[in-house]
Amino acid sequence: MPQVLPLRVLHVITTTTVGGAEVQLARLIQASDPRRFKHVVVGLSPEGLLASRMRRAGAKVLSLDLEPSLIKGVGGLVRLASIIRRQRPHLVQGWMYHANLMGLLAARLAGSYPVVWGIRCTDMEFYRYRQGTRVLVQVCARLSSWPSAIVSNSRRGLEFHARRGYPAAKMRVVHNGIRVPATAPDPAMRDEMRRRLGVGPDDLLVGHVARFDPMKDHANLMAAAQVVARQDRRAHFVLMGLGVDDGNPVFEPALNLPLAGRCHLLGRQAEVTPWLAAMDLHVSSSAFGEGLSNAVGEAMALQVPNVVTDLGDNRLLVGDTGLVVPPRRPERLAEAILSLLGMPAEDRAAMGAQARERIREHFSQEVMARAFESIYQELLSKEPWGKTRTP
């Protein structure tokens, strides 16, 4: 019986540093069957922290080291096409708008390669971002008939892009994949992280993991946190993410009463799992644009219940293991936080255990990887792309 060679997938992604799409790509590589799939990752920008993790999982990782300029971009496009010709993948997959466009054009320059686009946002308020980003989004919409398939990480993201002219017939939904630890969080680790913050055993720790960005709506969170702090003296808050520090004026309330001493701004953290395990409750306060929150799913996998705003597929993600509130309504957000903090500890723990099981059954990284592999097989079963490409 002839040996079946693994299918080669070349991924184009903006960075290999820690971020939502980047983490999902790393998890896809980790959960893939190495006998059936081989992965090559090309980062547009200089190599980041996740590159070594991807290599350990078996991927080849390359970097174009691009800087944000038109001349560099054109040169990078030519280099990317050359890499595709050398690697001879069975298909090319892009992750987010910049990488989608670069991957598509480079694959066209390199020859006949099926291309999969990855989109990860919904209901974006693009006027809040640079003109270059807005132009990029418009160009991608005009070229969206070119890819062989378009994968969204949420149903609402699919609907949003279909309204912007993306071909619905080519679109698929593959929700984020979350790594579920084999065992429950270590109580000793939880206690240690809380001691670092000065949080006592009877205090309740509310967490928020997100970079500082208009879509994450930290101002909404801070307004709700002040209400909660006034009404529940046990409540502490811990916020982490790029740009989340006391030099940012949005976080001035963290320095003053009623939050003084009870709101901890940690900035970017290389490893968030220990901090998530230390929380009694996790919050996603986003105002727009959220597809499916990695941070919410990761908190659920660690048995932490969530309060989320009703964006993207977050309602589907949490199910009945958390509470869902409208975006931009700090009073409703505060009310939901207080409701869960006011539950008996054993009831909150039971909700967290249900959250972990929900992730394991429906949103694990293994479920995500099988879904992507099914899409790859579907595309490659069609001529002419089903023909074997020899390296």
Foldseek 3Di string as FASTA:
>chain_A
DDQDQAAEEEEEEAACADDDQNVLVLLLLQLDDVRHYAYEYEHAADHYDNQVSSVVSPHHYHYLNADPDPVSLVVSLQVLLVVCLVVVGLAYEYADQVRQVSRLSSCVVNPDHAYEYEHEWAQDPCVVDDPVVVVSVLVCLVCLVRHQAYEYQFPRRLVRSVVSRHDSVRYDHFHGAAAFDPDADDVVLLVVVCVVLVQDPQAAEEEEEDADDQQQPVLLVLVLVQVLCVVDVRYAYEYEEAPQDPVDVSCPSCCDPPNNSRYHGDYHDSDCLSVLLNHQEYERQGQGIGAEDRVQLSSLSNLHEYEYEPYHCPCVLLPPLAHYHHHPDSVVVNVRVCVLVPDPSVVSSVSSVVSSVSSVVDRHSNSSSVVVVVVSCVVLVDPPSVDDDDD
